[in-house]
Amino acid sequence: MAESPPEQSELSPENPERLWLWERNVYLDERRRSWLPAVVKNNGKIQVLLRQKSIPLGPAMTPKELEAYELPLMWQLYPGKKYRGSDSILWEIVYHIKASTAYPRD
């Protein structure tokens, strides 16, 4: 049996205007939605895949813990489907995804 395609909202949730690092590997947007980054390194380039998934939040990171984090502490949406990180680097948006715990029906 063929699977029906995922709904548009699962593939591409509304782009957040800003993302702030909350705890290690968890960003929050302006609506308090949690976003989980997956870092892919290839030939010296870094790509970050962000998926929106509701998870229980732990305590926010302290300033001392933030010092050694490899990704920007904040991203802000810019025109042209890009985010500017707190490190001033522009990151291009390929797409956003929403994590789902649903399994396909047999």
N, C-alpha and C. Protein backbone atom coordinates (compact mmCIF):
# COMPACT_ATOMS: atom_id res chain seq x y z
N MET A 1 0.84 -1.18 0.00
CA MET A 1 0.00 0.00 0.00
C MET A 1 0.89 1.24 0.00
N ALA A 2 0.61 2.14 -0.86
CA ALA A 2 1.42 3.37 -0.97
C ALA A 2 1.11 4.31 0.18
N GLU A 3 2.16 4.96 0.66
CA GLU A 3 1.97 5.95 1.72
C GLU A 3 1.47 7.25 1.11
N SER A 4 0.59 7.91 1.82
CA SER A 4 0.18 9.23 1.35
C SER A 4 1.29 10.22 1.70
N PRO A 5 1.49 11.24 0.87
CA PRO A 5 2.55 12.20 1.16
C PRO A 5 2.27 12.94 2.45
N PRO A 6 3.34 13.33 3.18
CA PRO A 6 3.13 14.09 4.41
C PRO A 6 2.44 15.42 4.12
N GLU A 7 1.70 15.88 5.10
CA GLU A 7 1.05 17.17 4.95
C GLU A 7 2.09 18.28 4.86
N GLN A 8 1.75 19.35 4.19
CA GLN A 8 2.68 20.47 4.03
C GLN A 8 3.17 20.99 5.38
N SER A 9 2.30 21.02 6.39
CA SER A 9 2.71 21.55 7.69
C SER A 9 3.80 20.70 8.33
N GLU A 10 3.86 19.40 8.00
CA GLU A 10 4.91 18.55 8.55
C GLU A 10 6.24 18.79 7.87
N LEU A 11 6.21 19.07 6.57
CA LEU A 11 7.46 19.30 5.84
C LEU A 11 8.02 20.68 6.09
N SER A 12 7.17 21.65 6.22
CA SER A 12 7.62 23.02 6.25
C SER A 12 6.81 23.86 7.25
N PRO A 13 7.11 23.71 8.54
CA PRO A 13 6.41 24.58 9.48
C PRO A 13 6.79 26.03 9.23
N GLU A 14 5.98 26.93 9.72
CA GLU A 14 6.24 28.36 9.53
C GLU A 14 7.65 28.70 10.00
N ASN A 15 8.38 29.40 9.15
CA ASN A 15 9.76 29.77 9.50
C ASN A 15 9.77 30.64 10.74
N PRO A 16 10.57 30.28 11.73
CA PRO A 16 10.69 31.14 12.89
C PRO A 16 11.44 32.43 12.55
N GLU A 17 11.04 33.52 13.17
CA GLU A 17 11.75 34.80 12.98
C GLU A 17 13.10 34.78 13.67
N ARG A 18 13.14 34.18 14.85
CA ARG A 18 14.38 34.11 15.63
C ARG A 18 14.45 32.76 16.33
N LEU A 19 15.67 32.29 16.51
CA LEU A 19 15.93 31.07 17.27
C LEU A 19 17.01 31.38 18.29
N TRP A 20 16.75 31.03 19.55
CA TRP A 20 17.70 31.25 20.64
C TRP A 20 18.10 29.91 21.22
N LEU A 21 19.38 29.74 21.51
CA LEU A 21 19.83 28.52 22.15
C LEU A 21 19.27 28.47 23.56
N TRP A 22 18.61 27.37 23.90
CA TRP A 22 18.02 27.21 25.23
C TRP A 22 18.88 26.28 26.07
N GLU A 23 19.10 25.10 25.53
CA GLU A 23 19.98 24.13 26.18
C GLU A 23 20.75 23.42 25.08
N ARG A 24 21.73 22.61 25.44
CA ARG A 24 22.54 21.98 24.41
C ARG A 24 21.66 21.24 23.42
N ASN A 25 21.83 21.59 22.13
CA ASN A 25 21.08 20.99 21.03
C ASN A 25 19.58 21.26 21.04
N VAL A 26 19.17 22.35 21.65
CA VAL A 26 17.76 22.77 21.61
C VAL A 26 17.69 24.28 21.47
N TYR A 27 17.02 24.73 20.41
CA TYR A 27 16.75 26.15 20.20
C TYR A 27 15.26 26.38 20.42
N LEU A 28 14.91 27.58 20.86
CA LEU A 28 13.50 27.98 20.98
C LEU A 28 13.25 29.14 20.04
N ASP A 29 12.05 29.17 19.45
CA ASP A 29 11.68 30.30 18.61
C ASP A 29 10.76 31.24 19.40
N GLU A 30 10.27 32.28 18.72
CA GLU A 30 9.45 33.29 19.38
C GLU A 30 8.12 32.74 19.88
N ARG A 31 7.73 31.56 19.41
CA ARG A 31 6.49 30.93 19.89
C ARG A 31 6.76 29.84 20.91
N ARG A 32 8.00 29.76 21.37
CA ARG A 32 8.46 28.75 22.33
C ARG A 32 8.38 27.33 21.77
N ARG A 33 8.45 27.22 20.43
CA ARG A 33 8.56 25.90 19.81
C ARG A 33 10.03 25.49 19.88
N SER A 34 10.27 24.23 20.13
CA SER A 34 11.65 23.75 20.21
C SER A 34 12.12 23.23 18.85
N TRP A 35 13.37 23.54 18.54
CA TRP A 35 14.00 23.15 17.28
C TRP A 35 15.29 22.41 17.62
N LEU A 36 15.48 21.24 17.02
CA LEU A 36 16.63 20.41 17.30
C LEU A 36 17.59 20.44 16.10
N PRO A 37 18.84 20.88 16.32
CA PRO A 37 19.80 20.93 15.21
C PRO A 37 20.54 19.60 15.04
N ALA A 38 20.79 19.24 13.80
CA ALA A 38 21.68 18.14 13.48
C ALA A 38 22.79 18.74 12.61
N VAL A 39 24.02 18.63 13.06
CA VAL A 39 25.15 19.24 12.35
C VAL A 39 25.77 18.21 11.41
N VAL A 40 25.94 18.62 10.15
CA VAL A 40 26.57 17.78 9.14
C VAL A 40 27.81 18.51 8.65
N LYS A 41 28.98 17.88 8.79
CA LYS A 41 30.23 18.47 8.33
C LYS A 41 30.72 17.69 7.12
N ASN A 42 31.02 18.44 6.04
CA ASN A 42 31.45 17.80 4.81
C ASN A 42 32.45 18.72 4.10
N ASN A 43 33.66 18.25 3.92
CA ASN A 43 34.71 19.00 3.23
C ASN A 43 34.90 20.40 3.80
N GLY A 44 34.91 20.52 5.10
CA GLY A 44 35.12 21.81 5.75
C GLY A 44 33.90 22.70 5.82
N LYS A 45 32.78 22.27 5.25
CA LYS A 45 31.55 23.05 5.30
C LYS A 45 30.63 22.47 6.36
N ILE A 46 29.87 23.35 7.00
CA ILE A 46 28.93 22.93 8.02
C ILE A 46 27.52 23.20 7.52
N GLN A 47 26.66 22.20 7.62
CA GLN A 47 25.24 22.37 7.36
C GLN A 47 24.51 22.01 8.65
N VAL A 48 23.44 22.75 8.92
CA VAL A 48 22.64 22.47 10.10
C VAL A 48 21.22 22.17 9.64
N LEU A 49 20.74 21.00 10.00
CA LEU A 49 19.37 20.62 9.72
C LEU A 49 18.57 20.87 10.99
N LEU A 50 17.53 21.69 10.89
CA LEU A 50 16.70 21.99 12.06
C LEU A 50 15.34 21.34 11.90
N ARG A 51 14.95 20.59 12.92
CA ARG A 51 13.60 20.03 12.89
C ARG A 51 12.85 20.51 14.12
N GLN A 52 11.60 20.85 13.90
CA GLN A 52 10.76 21.34 14.99
C GLN A 52 10.11 20.14 15.65
N LYS A 53 10.31 20.01 16.95
CA LYS A 53 9.74 18.90 17.71
C LYS A 53 9.46 19.38 19.12
N SER A 54 8.27 19.11 19.60
CA SER A 54 7.92 19.47 20.98
C SER A 54 8.58 18.48 21.93
N ILE A 55 9.38 19.02 22.83
CA ILE A 55 10.07 18.19 23.82
C ILE A 55 9.99 18.88 25.17
N PRO A 56 10.12 18.12 26.27
CA PRO A 56 10.19 18.77 27.58
C PRO A 56 11.52 19.54 27.68
N LEU A 57 11.44 20.75 28.16
CA LEU A 57 12.64 21.60 28.24
C LEU A 57 13.30 21.48 29.60
N GLY A 58 14.60 21.43 29.57
CA GLY A 58 15.38 21.48 30.79
C GLY A 58 15.72 22.92 31.11
N PRO A 59 16.63 23.16 32.04
CA PRO A 59 17.03 24.53 32.37
C PRO A 59 17.82 25.16 31.23
N ALA A 60 17.70 26.47 31.11
CA ALA A 60 18.46 27.20 30.10
C ALA A 60 19.95 27.09 30.40
N MET A 61 20.77 27.17 29.36
CA MET A 61 22.22 27.11 29.54
C MET A 61 22.70 28.37 30.25
N THR A 62 23.73 28.21 31.04
CA THR A 62 24.33 29.35 31.73
C THR A 62 25.35 30.01 30.79
N PRO A 63 25.72 31.27 31.05
CA PRO A 63 26.72 31.93 30.19
C PRO A 63 28.02 31.14 30.07
N LYS A 64 28.47 30.49 31.12
CA LYS A 64 29.72 29.71 31.06
C LYS A 64 29.56 28.53 30.10
N GLU A 65 28.39 27.89 30.09
CA GLU A 65 28.16 26.76 29.18
C GLU A 65 28.07 27.21 27.73
N LEU A 66 27.65 28.45 27.51
CA LEU A 66 27.48 28.96 26.15
C LEU A 66 28.81 29.20 25.44
N GLU A 67 29.89 29.41 26.20
CA GLU A 67 31.18 29.77 25.62
C GLU A 67 31.71 28.73 24.64
N ALA A 68 31.46 27.46 24.88
CA ALA A 68 32.05 26.40 24.06
C ALA A 68 31.08 25.82 23.03
N TYR A 69 29.97 26.47 22.77
CA TYR A 69 28.99 25.91 21.85
C TYR A 69 29.40 26.21 20.41
N GLU A 70 29.36 25.22 19.51
CA GLU A 70 29.87 25.37 18.15
C GLU A 70 28.95 26.11 17.20
N LEU A 71 27.66 26.19 17.49
CA LEU A 71 26.70 26.88 16.63
C LEU A 71 26.40 28.27 17.18
N PRO A 72 25.82 29.15 16.36
CA PRO A 72 25.45 30.47 16.86
C PRO A 72 24.47 30.36 18.03
N LEU A 73 24.56 31.31 18.94
CA LEU A 73 23.65 31.32 20.10
C LEU A 73 22.26 31.79 19.70
N MET A 74 22.18 32.54 18.59
CA MET A 74 20.90 33.03 18.09
C MET A 74 20.96 33.13 16.58
N TRP A 75 19.82 32.89 15.93
CA TRP A 75 19.65 33.12 14.51
C TRP A 75 18.47 34.06 14.31
N GLN A 76 18.60 34.98 13.36
CA GLN A 76 17.51 35.89 13.02
C GLN A 76 17.22 35.77 11.54
N LEU A 77 15.93 35.64 11.18
CA LEU A 77 15.52 35.49 9.79
C LEU A 77 15.77 36.77 9.01
N TYR A 78 16.37 36.63 7.84
CA TYR A 78 16.66 37.74 6.94
C TYR A 78 15.95 37.50 5.62
N PRO A 79 15.78 38.55 4.81
CA PRO A 79 15.17 38.34 3.48
C PRO A 79 16.01 37.38 2.64
N GLY A 80 15.35 36.71 1.73
CA GLY A 80 16.07 35.80 0.85
C GLY A 80 16.28 34.42 1.45
N LYS A 81 15.41 34.03 2.38
CA LYS A 81 15.49 32.70 3.01
C LYS A 81 16.86 32.44 3.63
N LYS A 82 17.31 33.39 4.44
CA LYS A 82 18.59 33.23 5.14
C LYS A 82 18.41 33.60 6.61
N TYR A 83 19.25 33.04 7.43
CA TYR A 83 19.34 33.43 8.83
C TYR A 83 20.71 34.04 9.05
N ARG A 84 20.76 35.10 9.83
CA ARG A 84 22.05 35.65 10.27
C ARG A 84 22.25 35.15 11.70
N GLY A 85 23.38 34.49 11.90
CA GLY A 85 23.70 33.99 13.23
C GLY A 85 24.31 35.07 14.09
N SER A 86 24.35 34.84 15.39
CA SER A 86 24.98 35.79 16.30
C SER A 86 26.47 35.91 16.01
N ASP A 87 27.01 35.00 15.21
CA ASP A 87 28.40 35.06 14.77
C ASP A 87 28.54 35.87 13.48
N SER A 88 27.45 36.51 13.00
CA SER A 88 27.37 37.34 11.79
C SER A 88 27.45 36.56 10.48
N ILE A 89 27.46 35.25 10.54
CA ILE A 89 27.47 34.44 9.33
C ILE A 89 26.03 34.28 8.84
N LEU A 90 25.85 34.37 7.49
CA LEU A 90 24.54 34.11 6.90
C LEU A 90 24.42 32.62 6.60
N TRP A 91 23.31 32.05 7.04
CA TRP A 91 23.03 30.63 6.84
C TRP A 91 21.82 30.55 5.92
N GLU A 92 21.93 29.78 4.84
CA GLU A 92 20.83 29.64 3.89
C GLU A 92 19.84 28.59 4.39
N ILE A 93 18.55 28.88 4.22
CA ILE A 93 17.50 27.94 4.60
C ILE A 93 17.20 27.05 3.40
N VAL A 94 17.34 25.77 3.58
CA VAL A 94 16.94 24.84 2.53
C VAL A 94 15.47 24.49 2.76
N TYR A 95 15.16 24.01 3.95
CA TYR A 95 13.77 23.80 4.36
C TYR A 95 13.75 23.51 5.85
N HIS A 96 12.58 23.64 6.45
CA HIS A 96 12.36 23.29 7.84
C HIS A 96 11.49 22.03 7.84
N ILE A 97 11.66 21.20 8.84
CA ILE A 97 10.78 20.04 8.96
C ILE A 97 10.20 19.98 10.35
N LYS A 98 9.07 19.34 10.45
CA LYS A 98 8.45 19.09 11.74
C LYS A 98 8.56 17.61 12.01
N ALA A 99 9.10 17.26 13.16
CA ALA A 99 9.27 15.86 13.52
C ALA A 99 7.92 15.26 13.82
N SER A 100 7.77 14.02 13.45
CA SER A 100 6.51 13.33 13.68
C SER A 100 6.81 12.00 14.35
N THR A 101 5.98 11.61 15.28
CA THR A 101 6.15 10.30 15.91
C THR A 101 5.15 9.32 15.33
N ALA A 102 4.41 9.71 14.33
CA ALA A 102 3.43 8.81 13.70
C ALA A 102 4.16 7.82 12.79
N TYR A 103 3.67 6.64 12.72
CA TYR A 103 4.24 5.62 11.88
C TYR A 103 3.29 5.34 10.72
N PRO A 104 3.83 4.95 9.55
CA PRO A 104 2.96 4.66 8.42
C PRO A 104 2.04 3.47 8.71
N ARG A 105 0.88 3.51 8.16
CA ARG A 105 -0.06 2.40 8.33
C ARG A 105 0.32 1.28 7.38
N ASP A 106 0.14 0.07 7.82
CA ASP A 106 0.43 -1.11 6.96
C ASP A 106 -0.75 -1.38 6.05
